[in-house]
Amino acid sequence: QVQLVESGGGLVQAGGSLRLSCAASGINFRTFTMGWYRQAPGKQRELAATITSGGASNYADSVKGRFTISRDNTKGTVYLQMNSLKTAETAVYYCNAQWYKNSYWGQGTQVTVSS
């Protein structure tokens, strides 16, 4: 079955950095667009970044210049490097795999940014 397993979340001070990883199995990883989304308490889930099968990346305006999404097709893993983190970015970060109408989600990893 399809599994997306996120890791790398944790507690970091404002201005700090974290690197999230999402290991995928059960899918033809190379063909999927991979994405990172986040959901803060009491708010809707929102896009942070995506990367296509061809390596083209897209970012929410709020993270441009600070976050970098990348993928390693040999490992079936997508990464999100997050720099200059802000307290408002405290959220559960979810990995997503999308291919046409097929969409899969990970269980999420908590990122807490303290002041």
Protein backbone atom coordinates (compact mmCIF):
# COMPACT_ATOMS: atom_id res chain seq x y z
CA GLN A 1 0.00 0.00 0.00
CA VAL A 2 1.00 3.63 -0.34
CA GLN A 3 2.95 5.10 2.54
CA LEU A 4 4.33 8.59 3.00
CA VAL A 5 6.39 8.91 6.17
CA GLU A 6 7.47 12.36 7.28
CA SER A 7 10.32 13.07 9.66
CA GLY A 8 12.47 15.95 10.80
CA GLY A 9 9.95 18.05 12.66
CA GLY A 10 10.60 19.38 16.12
CA LEU A 11 11.10 22.46 18.22
CA VAL A 12 13.21 25.31 16.90
CA GLN A 13 13.71 28.94 17.86
CA ALA A 14 12.53 31.72 15.62
CA GLY A 15 15.13 32.37 12.96
CA GLY A 16 16.30 28.79 13.04
CA SER A 17 16.22 26.02 10.47
CA LEU A 18 14.76 22.56 10.05
CA ARG A 19 14.88 19.99 7.28
CA LEU A 20 11.86 17.81 6.74
CA SER A 21 11.97 14.50 4.89
CA CYS A 22 9.19 12.40 3.40
CA ALA A 23 9.92 8.84 2.34
CA ALA A 24 7.42 7.38 -0.12
CA SER A 25 6.68 3.75 -0.86
CA GLY A 26 4.04 1.94 -2.86
CA ILE A 27 4.03 4.52 -5.68
CA ASN A 28 6.03 5.17 -8.82
CA PHE A 29 7.71 8.08 -7.10
CA ARG A 30 9.39 9.50 -10.19
CA THR A 31 6.05 10.26 -11.84
CA PHE A 32 4.41 12.03 -8.91
CA THR A 33 4.32 15.71 -8.08
CA MET A 34 5.36 15.95 -4.44
CA GLY A 35 4.35 18.67 -2.08
CA TRP A 36 4.56 19.99 1.43
CA TYR A 37 1.50 21.50 3.06
CA ARG A 38 0.98 22.81 6.55
CA GLN A 39 -1.90 23.29 8.94
CA ALA A 40 -1.68 25.62 11.89
CA PRO A 41 -4.08 25.26 14.84
CA GLY A 42 -7.52 26.54 13.91
CA LYS A 43 -6.56 27.19 10.30
CA GLN A 44 -7.01 25.44 6.98
CA ARG A 45 -4.30 23.36 5.42
CA GLU A 46 -2.21 25.44 3.03
CA LEU A 47 0.41 24.87 0.41
CA ALA A 48 4.04 25.47 1.29
CA ALA A 49 5.83 24.08 -1.76
CA THR A 50 5.56 21.55 -4.57
CA ILE A 51 7.99 19.93 -6.96
CA THR A 52 7.00 18.22 -10.19
CA SER A 53 8.34 14.99 -11.60
CA GLY A 54 10.56 17.11 -13.82
CA GLY A 55 11.97 19.05 -10.90
CA ALA A 56 10.07 22.32 -11.30
CA SER A 57 9.29 23.87 -7.94
CA ASN A 58 6.56 26.19 -6.77
CA TYR A 59 6.33 28.05 -3.47
CA ALA A 60 3.77 29.93 -1.47
CA ASP A 61 4.65 33.62 -1.46
CA SER A 62 5.10 33.52 2.30
CA VAL A 63 8.00 31.04 2.10
CA LYS A 64 9.78 32.15 -1.05
CA GLY A 65 13.46 32.74 -0.44
CA ARG A 66 13.43 30.84 2.84
CA PHE A 67 12.20 27.34 2.00
CA THR A 68 13.65 24.95 -0.56
CA ILE A 69 11.94 21.80 -1.78
CA SER A 70 13.98 19.04 -3.39
CA ARG A 71 13.61 15.40 -4.30
CA ASP A 72 15.80 12.34 -4.64
CA ASN A 73 14.14 9.93 -7.03
CA THR A 74 16.68 7.21 -6.25
CA LYS A 75 15.59 7.26 -2.61
CA GLY A 76 11.90 8.04 -3.18
CA THR A 77 12.24 10.96 -0.82
CA VAL A 78 11.24 14.61 -0.90
CA TYR A 79 12.77 17.24 1.36
CA LEU A 80 11.85 20.66 2.64
CA GLN A 81 14.66 22.85 3.90
CA MET A 82 13.18 25.61 6.04
CA ASN A 83 15.30 28.60 7.05
CA SER A 84 14.53 31.76 9.00
CA LEU A 85 11.50 30.15 10.57
CA LYS A 86 8.84 32.33 12.14
CA THR A 87 6.63 31.64 15.14
CA ALA A 88 3.57 31.87 12.90
CA GLU A 89 4.87 28.87 10.98
CA THR A 90 4.18 26.56 13.87
CA ALA A 91 2.04 23.86 12.29
CA VAL A 92 1.74 20.24 11.34
CA TYR A 93 3.55 19.76 8.05
CA TYR A 94 2.14 17.17 5.66
CA CYS A 95 3.71 15.46 2.68
CA ASN A 96 1.54 14.94 -0.41
CA ALA A 97 1.99 12.84 -3.53
CA GLN A 98 -0.15 13.75 -6.53
CA TRP A 99 -0.53 12.08 -9.93
CA TYR A 100 -3.61 12.97 -11.92
CA LYS A 101 -6.55 12.21 -9.60
CA ASN A 102 -4.45 10.09 -7.27
CA SER A 103 -3.53 12.00 -4.14
CA TYR A 104 -1.91 10.59 -1.01
CA TRP A 105 -1.03 12.16 2.33
CA GLY A 106 1.39 11.41 5.10
CA GLN A 107 0.49 11.50 8.76
CA GLY A 108 2.21 14.83 9.33
CA THR A 109 5.10 16.04 11.43
CA GLN A 110 4.86 18.78 14.03
CA VAL A 111 7.01 21.88 13.66
CA THR A 112 7.01 24.26 16.59
CA VAL A 113 8.78 27.59 16.33
CA SER A 114 9.36 29.32 19.65
CA SER A 115 10.00 33.02 20.23
